[in-house]
């Protein structure tokens, strides 16, 4: 597959690789990754929560759950990024203090990492995590009818795959199991990755890239959606989110976009620690909070 649908801006091979190299978009990404870990650790110390709750048989298939103070709360499910090969739920609870204080139950999803796990396996794990949440979250003050799915970067892609049609019946959940969603800096058409260094561990071919691209598998009924990204992201990451928003809107589904000012691909997530940030306000609004 070649042509304008994959590379509409006509980037050279070196440039398209740079566009999708998230780590190269900042001078040093390691301080941001450390901030995820440190602030998440403090959140767990502050809130306690129910940690490493299994949603499946594999040791990687676990959730950290931070219940709301009141029953029937909306549920914020967060799927971490790391280009499918890095990070974990341990880096993914930094927003829990702000979101539980706002009235949500927060769930951080863990999944197996590439290249040991293929992308189809990772997608299946996340879908089974969402199905588990739907069936069990009432034990943690959550309302199974108000599940909001979010995620960053590769987690944004995985959030998009939770919105895709066709997987719900096999896991015994309704087609509208996701009540609203907010993919952040996500990837919704994986075909451009075929010619980048990311494919060294993503192991995509043209068929699997299309099969795993949320933009080609829109649901029959669309939930309210927010597509967000940072001001200082690459043009392709911004285009990916706009592409998905436009596809959503073309079907008449409710979708909005937000460019968070002054932040990059990594520290945009720290906006979720502040309930008054534009990103948090937009997400909490979708959740009815």
Protein backbone atom coordinates (compact mmCIF):
# COMPACT_ATOMS: atom_id res chain seq x y z
CA UNK A 1 0.00 0.00 0.00
CA UNK A 2 1.47 3.27 -1.10
CA UNK A 3 0.13 6.59 -2.13
CA UNK A 4 -1.47 9.67 -0.66
CA UNK A 5 -3.68 7.81 1.83
CA UNK A 6 -0.58 6.56 3.64
CA UNK A 7 1.75 9.51 3.11
CA UNK A 8 -0.49 12.46 2.18
CA UNK A 9 2.21 15.02 2.91
CA UNK A 10 4.73 13.32 0.62
CA UNK A 11 7.38 12.88 3.31
CA UNK A 12 10.70 11.29 2.45
CA UNK A 13 11.46 7.97 4.19
CA UNK A 14 13.75 9.72 6.67
CA UNK A 15 11.19 12.41 7.41
CA UNK A 16 8.25 10.06 7.96
CA UNK A 17 10.41 8.06 10.34
CA UNK A 18 11.21 11.26 12.23
CA UNK A 19 7.54 12.25 12.30
CA UNK A 20 6.66 9.03 14.14
CA UNK A 21 9.70 9.00 16.41
CA UNK A 22 8.02 10.34 19.53
CA UNK A 23 11.16 10.18 21.65
CA UNK A 24 13.08 12.28 19.14
CA UNK A 25 10.43 15.01 19.33
CA UNK A 26 11.89 16.17 22.67
CA UNK A 27 15.52 16.66 23.75
CA UNK A 28 15.20 13.93 26.40
CA UNK A 29 12.07 11.91 27.11
CA UNK A 30 13.44 10.13 30.18
CA UNK A 31 12.50 12.85 32.70
CA UNK A 32 8.91 12.67 31.48
CA UNK A 33 8.83 8.88 31.83
CA UNK A 34 10.28 9.20 35.31
CA UNK A 35 7.57 11.72 36.16
CA UNK A 36 4.93 9.17 35.15
CA UNK A 37 6.46 6.62 37.49
CA UNK A 38 7.08 8.97 40.41
CA UNK A 39 3.69 10.69 40.38
CA UNK A 40 1.90 7.36 39.90
CA UNK A 41 3.75 5.91 42.90
CA UNK A 42 2.70 8.88 45.01
CA UNK A 43 -0.90 8.49 43.83
CA UNK A 44 -0.95 4.86 44.93
CA UNK A 45 0.55 5.81 48.29
CA UNK A 46 -2.06 8.52 48.71
CA UNK A 47 -5.12 6.57 47.61
CA UNK A 48 -4.27 2.94 48.29
CA UNK A 49 -6.69 1.45 45.81
CA UNK A 50 -7.09 -2.14 44.70
CA UNK A 51 -3.81 -3.00 42.97
CA UNK A 52 -2.93 -5.71 40.45
CA UNK A 53 -6.47 -7.02 40.17
CA UNK A 54 -6.42 -9.79 37.54
CA UNK A 55 -8.68 -9.54 34.49
CA UNK A 56 -7.18 -12.63 32.84
CA UNK A 57 -4.90 -15.59 33.42
CA UNK A 58 -1.62 -14.10 32.16
CA UNK A 59 0.53 -12.38 34.82
CA UNK A 60 0.51 -9.19 32.74
CA UNK A 61 -3.29 -9.04 32.68
CA UNK A 62 -3.93 -6.86 35.71
CA UNK A 63 -5.61 -3.60 36.69
CA UNK A 64 -5.03 -0.95 39.34
CA UNK A 65 -8.42 0.34 40.52
CA UNK A 66 -9.07 3.49 42.53
CA UNK A 67 -12.72 3.56 43.63
CA UNK A 68 -14.77 6.72 43.79
CA UNK A 69 -16.13 7.84 47.14
CA UNK A 70 -19.73 7.35 45.95
CA UNK A 71 -21.41 4.45 44.18
CA UNK A 72 -22.49 4.56 40.52
CA UNK A 73 -19.57 6.79 39.56
CA UNK A 74 -18.40 7.17 35.98
CA UNK A 75 -15.32 5.07 35.24
CA UNK A 76 -12.09 6.43 33.75
CA UNK A 77 -10.13 3.59 32.11
CA UNK A 78 -6.58 4.58 31.13
CA UNK A 79 -4.43 2.56 28.68
CA UNK A 80 -0.75 3.49 28.78
CA UNK A 81 1.45 4.28 25.81
CA UNK A 82 5.07 3.37 25.11
CA UNK A 83 4.68 2.34 21.44
CA UNK A 84 3.31 -1.02 22.62
CA UNK A 85 6.74 -2.03 23.97
CA UNK A 86 7.31 0.04 27.14
CA UNK A 87 5.72 1.30 30.35
CA UNK A 88 2.99 -0.39 32.42
CA UNK A 89 0.06 0.30 34.71
CA UNK A 90 2.63 1.30 37.34
CA UNK A 91 3.24 4.44 35.26
CA UNK A 92 -0.45 5.13 34.73
CA UNK A 93 -2.17 6.24 37.94
CA UNK A 94 -0.89 9.83 38.16
CA UNK A 95 -4.37 11.21 37.38
CA UNK A 96 -6.13 9.09 40.02
CA UNK A 97 -6.12 11.67 42.86
CA UNK A 98 -7.64 14.41 40.71
CA UNK A 99 -10.15 12.17 38.97
CA UNK A 100 -11.34 10.32 42.05
CA UNK A 101 -11.72 13.68 43.81
CA UNK A 102 -13.88 14.78 40.89
CA UNK A 103 -16.12 11.75 41.41
CA UNK A 104 -14.74 9.03 39.10
CA UNK A 105 -13.51 5.51 39.64
CA UNK A 106 -10.11 5.21 37.92
CA UNK A 107 -8.74 2.03 36.30
CA UNK A 108 -5.18 1.69 34.96
CA UNK A 109 -4.77 -1.19 32.49
CA UNK A 110 -1.71 -3.40 32.20
CA UNK A 111 -0.97 -5.46 29.09
CA UNK A 112 1.86 -7.55 27.65
CA UNK A 113 4.49 -5.72 25.64
CA UNK A 114 5.81 -6.05 22.10
CA UNK A 115 7.68 -7.70 20.56
CA UNK A 116 7.04 -10.66 22.88
CA UNK A 117 3.32 -9.97 22.47
CA UNK A 118 1.89 -9.15 19.05
CA UNK A 119 -0.38 -6.16 18.53
CA UNK A 120 -3.44 -8.39 18.04
CA UNK A 121 -2.72 -10.00 21.42
CA UNK A 122 -2.36 -6.58 23.07
CA UNK A 123 -5.63 -5.37 21.54
CA UNK A 124 -7.37 -8.53 22.76
CA UNK A 125 -6.00 -8.04 26.26
CA UNK A 126 -7.29 -4.48 26.43
CA UNK A 127 -10.69 -5.54 25.17
CA UNK A 128 -10.87 -8.25 27.80
CA UNK A 129 -9.86 -5.65 30.40
CA UNK A 130 -12.74 -3.40 29.34
CA UNK A 131 -15.12 -6.38 29.39
CA UNK A 132 -13.94 -7.24 32.92
CA UNK A 133 -14.51 -3.65 34.01
CA UNK A 134 -18.02 -3.71 32.60
CA UNK A 135 -18.86 -6.90 34.49
CA UNK A 136 -17.17 -6.12 37.82
CA UNK A 137 -16.69 -2.37 38.29
CA UNK A 138 -19.82 -1.96 40.40
CA UNK A 139 -17.80 -3.62 43.20
CA UNK A 140 -15.52 -0.58 43.03
CA UNK A 141 -18.21 2.14 43.06
CA UNK A 142 -18.26 2.31 39.27
CA UNK A 143 -21.23 2.48 36.91
CA UNK A 144 -20.79 -0.07 34.10
CA UNK A 145 -23.01 2.04 31.86
CA UNK A 146 -20.59 5.00 32.08
CA UNK A 147 -17.18 3.67 31.08
CA UNK A 148 -14.85 6.28 29.59
CA UNK A 149 -11.74 4.94 27.84
CA UNK A 150 -8.62 7.07 27.46
CA UNK A 151 -5.02 6.40 26.54
CA UNK A 152 -1.92 8.12 25.26
CA UNK A 153 0.09 7.48 22.08
CA UNK A 154 -0.05 3.69 21.59
CA UNK A 155 -2.63 3.79 24.35
CA UNK A 156 -4.61 6.20 22.20
CA UNK A 157 -4.48 3.63 19.41
CA UNK A 158 -5.67 0.95 21.82
CA UNK A 159 -8.48 3.22 23.01
CA UNK A 160 -9.52 3.53 19.37
CA UNK A 161 -9.56 -0.25 19.05
CA UNK A 162 -11.90 -0.40 22.06
CA UNK A 163 -14.28 1.77 20.01
CA UNK A 164 -14.04 -0.44 16.93
CA UNK A 165 -16.96 -2.62 15.98
CA UNK A 166 -17.17 -6.37 15.98
CA UNK A 167 -15.58 -7.65 19.20
CA UNK A 168 -18.29 -7.19 21.79
CA UNK A 169 -20.45 -10.28 21.37
CA UNK A 170 -17.54 -12.67 21.88
CA UNK A 171 -16.82 -11.07 25.26
CA UNK A 172 -20.43 -10.72 26.34
CA UNK A 173 -20.61 -6.92 26.47
CA UNK A 174 -22.94 -4.49 24.69
CA UNK A 175 -21.79 -2.70 21.58
CA UNK A 176 -21.94 0.60 23.46
CA UNK A 177 -19.81 -0.64 26.37
CA UNK A 178 -17.64 2.47 25.93
CA UNK A 179 -19.81 5.43 26.89
CA UNK A 180 -17.26 8.11 25.91
CA UNK A 181 -13.58 8.25 25.06
CA UNK A 182 -10.56 10.54 24.88
CA UNK A 183 -7.60 9.17 22.91
CA UNK A 184 -4.59 11.44 23.49
CA UNK A 185 -1.85 11.75 20.82
CA UNK A 186 -3.07 8.50 19.34
CA UNK A 187 -2.38 6.51 16.19
CA UNK A 188 -5.46 5.64 14.15
CA UNK A 189 -4.00 4.63 10.77
CA UNK A 190 -1.03 2.32 11.31
CA UNK A 191 -0.10 2.00 7.65
CA UNK A 192 2.49 4.84 7.77
CA UNK A 193 4.41 2.85 10.39
CA UNK A 194 5.24 0.13 7.86
CA UNK A 195 8.27 2.08 6.61
CA UNK A 196 9.47 3.31 10.02
CA UNK A 197 11.75 1.93 12.71
CA UNK A 198 8.68 1.20 14.82
CA UNK A 199 7.90 -1.80 12.63
CA UNK A 200 11.00 -3.53 14.01
CA UNK A 201 8.82 -4.44 17.00
CA UNK A 202 5.28 -3.79 15.71
CA UNK A 203 5.75 -6.46 13.02
CA UNK A 204 3.03 -5.06 10.78
CA UNK A 205 2.32 -5.97 7.18
CA UNK A 206 -0.13 -4.12 4.93
CA UNK A 207 -3.01 -6.39 5.90
CA UNK A 208 -2.43 -6.30 9.65
CA UNK A 209 -1.76 -2.55 9.60
CA UNK A 210 -5.20 -1.96 8.11
CA UNK A 211 -6.87 -4.56 10.35
CA UNK A 212 -5.41 -2.83 13.42
CA UNK A 213 -6.22 0.75 12.37
CA UNK A 214 -9.22 2.21 14.23
CA UNK A 215 -10.04 4.58 11.38
CA UNK A 216 -11.01 1.58 9.21
CA UNK A 217 -13.23 -0.01 11.87
CA UNK A 218 -15.58 2.69 13.07
CA UNK A 219 -18.48 1.56 15.23
CA UNK A 220 -22.08 1.36 14.08
CA UNK A 221 -22.97 3.79 16.87
CA UNK A 222 -20.46 6.44 17.95
CA UNK A 223 -20.07 7.69 21.50
CA UNK A 224 -18.95 11.22 22.46
CA UNK A 225 -15.27 11.52 21.63
CA UNK A 226 -12.41 13.91 22.40
CA UNK A 227 -9.21 13.81 20.33
CA UNK A 228 -6.39 15.66 22.08
CA UNK A 229 -2.72 16.33 21.39
CA UNK A 230 0.03 18.67 22.52
CA UNK A 231 1.02 21.90 20.82
CA UNK A 232 4.61 20.70 20.41
CA UNK A 233 3.91 17.33 18.76
CA UNK A 234 4.95 16.38 15.25
CA UNK A 235 2.69 17.18 12.33
CA UNK A 236 1.90 13.51 11.76
CA UNK A 237 0.74 12.88 15.32
CA UNK A 238 -1.56 15.88 14.99
CA UNK A 239 -2.79 14.69 11.59
CA UNK A 240 -3.60 11.24 12.97
CA UNK A 241 -5.93 12.67 15.60
CA UNK A 242 -7.57 15.06 13.15
CA UNK A 243 -8.03 12.18 10.68
CA UNK A 244 -9.90 10.11 13.26
CA UNK A 245 -12.01 13.06 14.41
CA UNK A 246 -12.99 13.80 10.82
CA UNK A 247 -13.88 10.15 10.17
CA UNK A 248 -16.01 10.14 13.31
CA UNK A 249 -17.76 13.38 12.38
CA UNK A 250 -18.34 12.19 8.80
CA UNK A 251 -20.60 9.49 10.25
CA UNK A 252 -22.47 12.05 12.28
CA UNK A 253 -20.88 10.97 15.55
CA UNK A 254 -20.01 13.56 18.22
CA UNK A 255 -16.30 14.39 18.21
CA UNK A 256 -14.25 17.38 19.34
CA UNK A 257 -10.55 18.18 19.22
CA UNK A 258 -8.20 19.89 21.62
CA UNK A 259 -4.63 21.07 21.13
CA UNK A 260 -3.23 21.45 24.64
CA UNK A 261 -1.04 24.57 24.73
CA UNK A 262 2.61 24.55 25.71
CA UNK A 263 3.05 20.78 26.01
CA UNK A 264 4.62 17.94 24.02
CA UNK A 265 3.86 14.28 23.32
CA UNK A 266 4.93 13.29 26.83
CA UNK A 267 4.11 16.01 29.33
CA UNK A 268 0.58 16.55 27.99
CA UNK A 269 -0.37 13.74 30.38
CA UNK A 270 0.67 15.80 33.38
CA UNK A 271 -2.31 18.05 32.53
CA UNK A 272 -4.47 15.20 33.84
CA UNK A 273 -3.12 15.83 37.34
CA UNK A 274 -4.83 19.24 37.30
CA UNK A 275 -8.63 18.99 37.29
CA UNK A 276 -8.78 22.58 36.03
CA UNK A 277 -6.63 22.05 32.92
CA UNK A 278 -8.41 22.27 29.58
CA UNK A 279 -7.72 18.58 28.96
CA UNK A 280 -9.08 17.43 32.31
CA UNK A 281 -12.11 19.70 32.09
CA UNK A 282 -12.94 18.36 28.65
CA UNK A 283 -12.63 14.73 29.73
CA UNK A 284 -14.52 15.19 33.00
CA UNK A 285 -17.23 16.96 31.04
CA UNK A 286 -17.64 13.95 28.74
CA UNK A 287 -17.93 11.83 31.87
CA UNK A 288 -20.68 14.04 33.29
CA UNK A 289 -18.48 15.42 36.09
